[in-house]
Amino acid sequence: MYDYFAAPSDEVAATVIDGGPSQFGPVETKWLDPVVVMGKLEELLTGRPYDDVVRDERSGQLVAMEGDGELLVLTVTDGLRDGLHQASDLSDVAVAWAQIEELQRWDPVELAEILHELQALAQKAVSKDERLYCWVCV
């Protein structure tokens, strides 16, 4: 499971490791990992090459870990946050996103709904000068 949330710092984001980010109003997803799937989304939103996205210092960097990695808090790039914040036609983005190998079984309408939730999260993060994170529960 991958839950996306906004927080003012890596230290604050790390505090959700045990119970999850429910107090941060997360966007709950099941299969949308923060590096590959979200990296390809960032490429679609911003035009930034995928290889550059995954080399970004905030692409899936470990903030907190519990046990042997069953629970993680990872960073999400500012480029994805900003791309979501500025996106105008999420339906078209969802159709293109559904074409990537990792999402070929997903319905673009369902992806568009998730994109709208992620956009609202990104807009809130930008307005509060926060960053995005992903809480991972394996």
N, C-alpha and C. Protein backbone atom coordinates (compact mmCIF):
# COMPACT_ATOMS: atom_id res chain seq x y z
N MET A 1 0.84 -1.18 0.00
CA MET A 1 0.00 0.00 0.00
C MET A 1 0.88 1.24 0.00
N TYR A 2 0.45 2.23 -0.73
CA TYR A 2 1.17 3.50 -0.84
C TYR A 2 0.20 4.63 -0.52
N ASP A 3 0.45 5.36 0.56
CA ASP A 3 -0.38 6.50 0.93
C ASP A 3 0.47 7.76 0.79
N TYR A 4 -0.05 8.73 0.06
CA TYR A 4 0.66 9.98 -0.18
C TYR A 4 0.12 11.06 0.74
N PHE A 5 1.02 11.87 1.29
CA PHE A 5 0.62 12.92 2.21
C PHE A 5 1.62 14.08 2.13
N ALA A 6 1.22 15.21 2.68
CA ALA A 6 2.09 16.39 2.72
C ALA A 6 2.49 16.65 4.16
N ALA A 7 3.73 17.13 4.32
CA ALA A 7 4.23 17.48 5.65
C ALA A 7 5.25 18.60 5.50
N PRO A 8 5.45 19.37 6.57
CA PRO A 8 6.36 20.51 6.49
C PRO A 8 7.84 20.16 6.47
N SER A 9 8.20 18.93 6.87
CA SER A 9 9.62 18.55 6.90
C SER A 9 9.76 17.03 6.91
N ASP A 10 10.96 16.58 6.61
CA ASP A 10 11.25 15.15 6.68
C ASP A 10 11.05 14.63 8.10
N GLU A 11 11.43 15.43 9.09
CA GLU A 11 11.29 15.02 10.48
C GLU A 11 9.83 14.80 10.87
N VAL A 12 8.97 15.71 10.45
CA VAL A 12 7.54 15.56 10.74
C VAL A 12 6.99 14.36 9.97
N ALA A 13 7.38 14.21 8.71
CA ALA A 13 6.91 13.07 7.91
C ALA A 13 7.29 11.75 8.56
N ALA A 14 8.47 11.69 9.14
CA ALA A 14 8.95 10.45 9.77
C ALA A 14 8.07 10.01 10.93
N THR A 15 7.36 10.93 11.55
CA THR A 15 6.54 10.59 12.72
C THR A 15 5.36 9.70 12.39
N VAL A 16 5.01 9.54 11.12
CA VAL A 16 3.86 8.72 10.74
C VAL A 16 4.22 7.25 10.58
N ILE A 17 5.47 6.88 10.76
CA ILE A 17 5.95 5.53 10.44
C ILE A 17 5.10 4.44 11.09
N ASP A 18 4.74 4.58 12.35
CA ASP A 18 4.02 3.50 13.03
C ASP A 18 2.55 3.40 12.67
N GLY A 19 1.83 4.50 12.72
CA GLY A 19 0.38 4.43 12.54
C GLY A 19 -0.14 4.86 11.19
N GLY A 20 0.74 5.33 10.31
CA GLY A 20 0.30 5.82 9.02
C GLY A 20 -0.05 7.29 9.08
N PRO A 21 -0.27 7.88 7.92
CA PRO A 21 -0.45 9.33 7.84
C PRO A 21 -1.90 9.82 7.93
N SER A 22 -2.77 9.08 8.63
CA SER A 22 -4.18 9.47 8.63
C SER A 22 -4.41 10.90 9.11
N GLN A 23 -3.60 11.38 10.04
CA GLN A 23 -3.77 12.75 10.55
C GLN A 23 -3.37 13.81 9.52
N PHE A 24 -2.75 13.39 8.42
CA PHE A 24 -2.33 14.31 7.37
C PHE A 24 -3.25 14.30 6.15
N GLY A 25 -4.38 13.61 6.23
CA GLY A 25 -5.31 13.57 5.11
C GLY A 25 -4.71 12.97 3.85
N PRO A 26 -4.24 11.72 3.94
CA PRO A 26 -3.53 11.13 2.81
C PRO A 26 -4.42 10.76 1.63
N VAL A 27 -3.77 10.59 0.50
CA VAL A 27 -4.40 9.98 -0.67
C VAL A 27 -3.95 8.53 -0.64
N GLU A 28 -4.91 7.63 -0.45
CA GLU A 28 -4.61 6.21 -0.32
C GLU A 28 -4.64 5.54 -1.68
N THR A 29 -3.56 4.85 -2.00
CA THR A 29 -3.49 4.09 -3.25
C THR A 29 -3.00 2.69 -2.91
N LYS A 30 -3.10 1.81 -3.86
CA LYS A 30 -2.64 0.45 -3.63
C LYS A 30 -1.35 0.14 -4.37
N TRP A 31 -1.25 0.52 -5.61
CA TRP A 31 -0.16 0.07 -6.45
C TRP A 31 0.66 1.19 -7.07
N LEU A 32 0.50 2.40 -6.64
CA LEU A 32 1.16 3.54 -7.27
C LEU A 32 2.43 3.91 -6.51
N ASP A 33 3.52 3.21 -6.85
CA ASP A 33 4.77 3.41 -6.12
C ASP A 33 5.37 4.78 -6.41
N PRO A 34 6.12 5.32 -5.44
CA PRO A 34 6.61 6.69 -5.55
C PRO A 34 7.79 6.90 -6.49
N VAL A 35 8.42 5.84 -6.95
CA VAL A 35 9.58 6.02 -7.82
C VAL A 35 9.22 5.76 -9.28
N VAL A 36 8.83 4.55 -9.62
CA VAL A 36 8.59 4.22 -11.03
C VAL A 36 7.29 4.84 -11.53
N VAL A 37 6.18 4.50 -10.91
CA VAL A 37 4.87 4.96 -11.41
C VAL A 37 4.73 6.47 -11.28
N MET A 38 5.13 7.01 -10.14
CA MET A 38 5.02 8.46 -9.95
C MET A 38 6.10 9.20 -10.75
N GLY A 39 7.24 8.56 -10.96
CA GLY A 39 8.26 9.15 -11.81
C GLY A 39 7.77 9.31 -13.24
N LYS A 40 7.07 8.30 -13.72
CA LYS A 40 6.52 8.37 -15.08
C LYS A 40 5.39 9.39 -15.15
N LEU A 41 4.64 9.54 -14.06
CA LEU A 41 3.62 10.59 -14.00
C LEU A 41 4.28 11.96 -14.06
N GLU A 42 5.34 12.14 -13.31
CA GLU A 42 6.04 13.43 -13.35
C GLU A 42 6.53 13.74 -14.76
N GLU A 43 7.06 12.74 -15.44
CA GLU A 43 7.50 12.94 -16.82
C GLU A 43 6.35 13.42 -17.70
N LEU A 44 5.17 12.81 -17.53
CA LEU A 44 4.00 13.23 -18.32
C LEU A 44 3.57 14.65 -17.98
N LEU A 45 3.61 14.99 -16.70
CA LEU A 45 3.13 16.31 -16.26
C LEU A 45 4.09 17.44 -16.60
N THR A 46 5.39 17.16 -16.54
CA THR A 46 6.37 18.24 -16.64
C THR A 46 7.25 18.19 -17.89
N GLY A 47 7.32 17.03 -18.53
CA GLY A 47 8.23 16.87 -19.66
C GLY A 47 9.65 16.57 -19.23
N ARG A 48 9.90 16.51 -17.94
CA ARG A 48 11.23 16.17 -17.42
C ARG A 48 11.49 14.69 -17.71
N PRO A 49 12.61 14.35 -18.34
CA PRO A 49 12.89 12.95 -18.67
C PRO A 49 12.87 12.05 -17.43
N TYR A 50 12.30 10.87 -17.59
CA TYR A 50 12.16 9.93 -16.49
C TYR A 50 13.51 9.65 -15.81
N ASP A 51 14.56 9.48 -16.60
CA ASP A 51 15.89 9.21 -16.01
C ASP A 51 16.33 10.34 -15.09
N ASP A 52 15.99 11.58 -15.44
CA ASP A 52 16.32 12.72 -14.57
C ASP A 52 15.47 12.70 -13.30
N VAL A 53 14.21 12.33 -13.46
CA VAL A 53 13.30 12.28 -12.32
C VAL A 53 13.81 11.30 -11.27
N VAL A 54 14.16 10.08 -11.70
CA VAL A 54 14.58 9.07 -10.72
C VAL A 54 15.96 9.36 -10.13
N ARG A 55 16.73 10.23 -10.77
CA ARG A 55 18.02 10.65 -10.20
C ARG A 55 17.87 11.83 -9.23
N ASP A 56 16.69 12.42 -9.18
CA ASP A 56 16.43 13.53 -8.27
C ASP A 56 16.69 13.07 -6.83
N GLU A 57 17.31 13.92 -6.05
CA GLU A 57 17.66 13.54 -4.67
C GLU A 57 16.45 13.24 -3.80
N ARG A 58 15.25 13.69 -4.20
CA ARG A 58 14.04 13.41 -3.42
C ARG A 58 13.20 12.29 -4.01
N SER A 59 13.70 11.61 -4.99
CA SER A 59 12.95 10.51 -5.60
C SER A 59 13.10 9.24 -4.76
N GLY A 60 12.10 8.99 -3.90
CA GLY A 60 12.07 7.77 -3.11
C GLY A 60 13.16 7.63 -2.07
N GLN A 61 13.64 8.74 -1.53
CA GLN A 61 14.67 8.67 -0.49
C GLN A 61 14.04 8.29 0.85
N LEU A 62 14.72 7.45 1.58
CA LEU A 62 14.24 6.95 2.85
C LEU A 62 14.26 8.04 3.92
N VAL A 63 13.10 8.24 4.55
CA VAL A 63 12.97 9.18 5.67
C VAL A 63 12.88 8.40 6.98
N ALA A 64 12.14 7.28 6.95
CA ALA A 64 11.99 6.45 8.15
C ALA A 64 11.70 5.01 7.73
N MET A 65 12.12 4.07 8.58
CA MET A 65 11.87 2.66 8.31
C MET A 65 11.60 1.94 9.62
N GLU A 66 10.68 1.00 9.57
CA GLU A 66 10.37 0.18 10.73
C GLU A 66 10.63 -1.28 10.37
N GLY A 67 11.20 -2.00 11.33
CA GLY A 67 11.48 -3.42 11.12
C GLY A 67 12.46 -3.63 9.98
N ASP A 68 12.17 -4.62 9.18
CA ASP A 68 13.03 -4.94 8.03
C ASP A 68 12.53 -4.27 6.75
N GLY A 69 11.83 -3.16 6.90
CA GLY A 69 11.33 -2.44 5.74
C GLY A 69 9.86 -2.68 5.47
N GLU A 70 9.15 -3.24 6.45
CA GLU A 70 7.70 -3.45 6.27
C GLU A 70 6.95 -2.13 6.22
N LEU A 71 7.47 -1.13 6.92
CA LEU A 71 6.90 0.21 6.92
C LEU A 71 8.00 1.19 6.54
N LEU A 72 7.69 2.07 5.60
CA LEU A 72 8.65 3.07 5.13
C LEU A 72 7.96 4.41 4.98
N VAL A 73 8.72 5.47 5.13
CA VAL A 73 8.30 6.80 4.70
C VAL A 73 9.37 7.25 3.71
N LEU A 74 8.92 7.58 2.50
CA LEU A 74 9.83 7.98 1.42
C LEU A 74 9.49 9.37 0.93
N THR A 75 10.49 10.06 0.42
CA THR A 75 10.27 11.38 -0.17
C THR A 75 9.67 11.24 -1.57
N VAL A 76 8.99 12.29 -1.97
CA VAL A 76 8.44 12.42 -3.32
C VAL A 76 9.02 13.71 -3.89
N THR A 77 9.33 13.73 -5.16
CA THR A 77 9.99 14.91 -5.74
C THR A 77 9.10 16.15 -5.70
N ASP A 78 9.75 17.30 -5.59
CA ASP A 78 9.03 18.57 -5.68
C ASP A 78 8.49 18.77 -7.09
N GLY A 79 9.16 18.18 -8.08
CA GLY A 79 8.68 18.28 -9.46
C GLY A 79 7.32 17.64 -9.64
N LEU A 80 7.09 16.51 -8.98
CA LEU A 80 5.77 15.88 -9.07
C LEU A 80 4.73 16.75 -8.38
N ARG A 81 5.07 17.24 -7.18
CA ARG A 81 4.15 18.13 -6.46
C ARG A 81 3.77 19.33 -7.33
N ASP A 82 4.78 19.97 -7.90
CA ASP A 82 4.53 21.17 -8.70
C ASP A 82 3.81 20.85 -10.00
N GLY A 83 4.15 19.72 -10.61
CA GLY A 83 3.46 19.31 -11.83
C GLY A 83 1.99 19.04 -11.59
N LEU A 84 1.68 18.37 -10.49
CA LEU A 84 0.28 18.12 -10.14
C LEU A 84 -0.43 19.43 -9.84
N HIS A 85 0.24 20.31 -9.12
CA HIS A 85 -0.34 21.60 -8.76
C HIS A 85 -0.74 22.41 -10.00
N GLN A 86 0.09 22.36 -11.04
CA GLN A 86 -0.12 23.18 -12.23
C GLN A 86 -0.90 22.49 -13.34
N ALA A 87 -1.17 21.22 -13.22
CA ALA A 87 -1.84 20.47 -14.30
C ALA A 87 -3.23 21.01 -14.56
N SER A 88 -3.61 21.00 -15.85
CA SER A 88 -4.93 21.53 -16.20
C SER A 88 -5.90 20.46 -16.69
N ASP A 89 -5.45 19.49 -17.47
CA ASP A 89 -6.38 18.48 -17.98
C ASP A 89 -5.98 17.10 -17.51
N LEU A 90 -6.43 16.76 -16.32
CA LEU A 90 -6.03 15.49 -15.72
C LEU A 90 -6.64 14.28 -16.42
N SER A 91 -7.73 14.47 -17.13
CA SER A 91 -8.32 13.34 -17.88
C SER A 91 -7.37 12.87 -18.97
N ASP A 92 -6.79 13.81 -19.70
CA ASP A 92 -5.82 13.46 -20.74
C ASP A 92 -4.56 12.84 -20.13
N VAL A 93 -4.13 13.37 -19.01
CA VAL A 93 -2.96 12.82 -18.32
C VAL A 93 -3.25 11.38 -17.89
N ALA A 94 -4.45 11.14 -17.37
CA ALA A 94 -4.82 9.79 -16.92
C ALA A 94 -4.79 8.79 -18.07
N VAL A 95 -5.26 9.21 -19.24
CA VAL A 95 -5.24 8.33 -20.42
C VAL A 95 -3.80 7.98 -20.79
N ALA A 96 -2.93 8.98 -20.80
CA ALA A 96 -1.52 8.73 -21.12
C ALA A 96 -0.85 7.89 -20.04
N TRP A 97 -1.17 8.16 -18.79
CA TRP A 97 -0.58 7.43 -17.67
C TRP A 97 -0.98 5.96 -17.72
N ALA A 98 -2.21 5.69 -18.12
CA ALA A 98 -2.71 4.31 -18.22
C ALA A 98 -1.98 3.51 -19.30
N GLN A 99 -1.22 4.18 -20.15
CA GLN A 99 -0.48 3.51 -21.21
C GLN A 99 0.85 2.93 -20.73
N ILE A 100 1.33 3.39 -19.56
CA ILE A 100 2.63 2.87 -19.11
C ILE A 100 2.46 1.41 -18.69
N GLU A 101 3.53 0.67 -18.82
CA GLU A 101 3.50 -0.78 -18.56
C GLU A 101 2.91 -1.12 -17.19
N GLU A 102 3.28 -0.39 -16.17
CA GLU A 102 2.86 -0.69 -14.81
C GLU A 102 1.38 -0.45 -14.56
N LEU A 103 0.71 0.32 -15.42
CA LEU A 103 -0.70 0.66 -15.20
C LEU A 103 -1.63 0.19 -16.31
N GLN A 104 -1.18 -0.69 -17.16
CA GLN A 104 -1.99 -1.09 -18.32
C GLN A 104 -3.33 -1.71 -17.96
N ARG A 105 -3.46 -2.26 -16.78
CA ARG A 105 -4.75 -2.86 -16.38
C ARG A 105 -5.67 -1.86 -15.69
N TRP A 106 -5.21 -0.66 -15.47
CA TRP A 106 -5.99 0.35 -14.76
C TRP A 106 -6.92 1.09 -15.72
N ASP A 107 -8.08 1.43 -15.21
CA ASP A 107 -9.06 2.22 -15.96
C ASP A 107 -8.65 3.69 -15.88
N PRO A 108 -8.51 4.37 -17.02
CA PRO A 108 -8.15 5.80 -17.00
C PRO A 108 -9.10 6.66 -16.17
N VAL A 109 -10.36 6.28 -16.09
CA VAL A 109 -11.32 7.05 -15.29
C VAL A 109 -10.95 6.95 -13.81
N GLU A 110 -10.58 5.75 -13.37
CA GLU A 110 -10.15 5.56 -11.99
C GLU A 110 -8.85 6.32 -11.72
N LEU A 111 -7.93 6.27 -12.68
CA LEU A 111 -6.68 7.02 -12.53
C LEU A 111 -6.94 8.52 -12.46
N ALA A 112 -7.89 9.01 -13.25
CA ALA A 112 -8.22 10.43 -13.21
C ALA A 112 -8.74 10.84 -11.84
N GLU A 113 -9.53 9.97 -11.22
CA GLU A 113 -10.04 10.26 -9.87
C GLU A 113 -8.88 10.38 -8.88
N ILE A 114 -7.93 9.45 -8.98
CA ILE A 114 -6.76 9.49 -8.10
C ILE A 114 -5.95 10.75 -8.38
N LEU A 115 -5.80 11.10 -9.66
CA LEU A 115 -5.05 12.31 -10.01
C LEU A 115 -5.69 13.56 -9.42
N HIS A 116 -7.00 13.62 -9.42
CA HIS A 116 -7.69 14.78 -8.82
C HIS A 116 -7.41 14.85 -7.31
N GLU A 117 -7.40 13.69 -6.65
CA GLU A 117 -7.07 13.68 -5.22
C GLU A 117 -5.62 14.10 -4.99
N LEU A 118 -4.72 13.58 -5.82
CA LEU A 118 -3.31 13.95 -5.70
C LEU A 118 -3.10 15.43 -5.99
N GLN A 119 -3.86 15.96 -6.96
CA GLN A 119 -3.74 17.38 -7.27
C GLN A 119 -4.19 18.24 -6.09
N ALA A 120 -5.28 17.86 -5.45
CA ALA A 120 -5.74 18.60 -4.28
C ALA A 120 -4.69 18.56 -3.17
N LEU A 121 -4.06 17.40 -2.98
CA LEU A 121 -2.99 17.28 -2.00
C LEU A 121 -1.82 18.18 -2.37
N ALA A 122 -1.43 18.18 -3.64
CA ALA A 122 -0.32 19.01 -4.09
C ALA A 122 -0.64 20.49 -3.94
N GLN A 123 -1.85 20.89 -4.24
CA GLN A 123 -2.24 22.29 -4.10
C GLN A 123 -2.18 22.73 -2.64
N LYS A 124 -2.64 21.86 -1.75
CA LYS A 124 -2.56 22.16 -0.32
C LYS A 124 -1.10 22.26 0.12
N ALA A 125 -0.27 21.34 -0.37
CA ALA A 125 1.15 21.35 0.00
C ALA A 125 1.82 22.63 -0.46
N VAL A 126 1.56 23.05 -1.69
CA VAL A 126 2.17 24.27 -2.21
C VAL A 126 1.72 25.48 -1.39
N SER A 127 0.42 25.52 -1.08
CA SER A 127 -0.10 26.67 -0.33
C SER A 127 0.50 26.76 1.07
N LYS A 128 0.91 25.63 1.64
CA LYS A 128 1.49 25.61 2.99
C LYS A 128 3.01 25.48 2.97
N ASP A 129 3.61 25.53 1.77
CA ASP A 129 5.05 25.36 1.62
C ASP A 129 5.52 24.02 2.21
N GLU A 130 4.78 22.96 1.87
CA GLU A 130 5.10 21.62 2.34
C GLU A 130 5.57 20.76 1.18
N ARG A 131 6.07 19.60 1.51
CA ARG A 131 6.54 18.64 0.51
C ARG A 131 5.67 17.39 0.59
N LEU A 132 5.77 16.56 -0.46
CA LEU A 132 5.01 15.33 -0.50
C LEU A 132 5.87 14.15 -0.06
N TYR A 133 5.18 13.17 0.52
CA TYR A 133 5.81 11.95 1.02
C TYR A 133 4.91 10.76 0.70
N CYS A 134 5.50 9.59 0.81
CA CYS A 134 4.76 8.35 0.62
C CYS A 134 5.02 7.44 1.80
N TRP A 135 3.95 6.99 2.43
CA TRP A 135 4.03 5.98 3.48
C TRP A 135 3.77 4.64 2.84
N VAL A 136 4.69 3.72 2.99
CA VAL A 136 4.62 2.41 2.34
C VAL A 136 4.41 1.35 3.41
N CYS A 137 3.40 0.50 3.20
CA CYS A 137 3.13 -0.63 4.09
C CYS A 137 3.17 -1.88 3.24
N VAL A 138 4.21 -2.71 3.46
CA VAL A 138 4.38 -3.92 2.66
C VAL A 138 3.64 -5.08 3.28
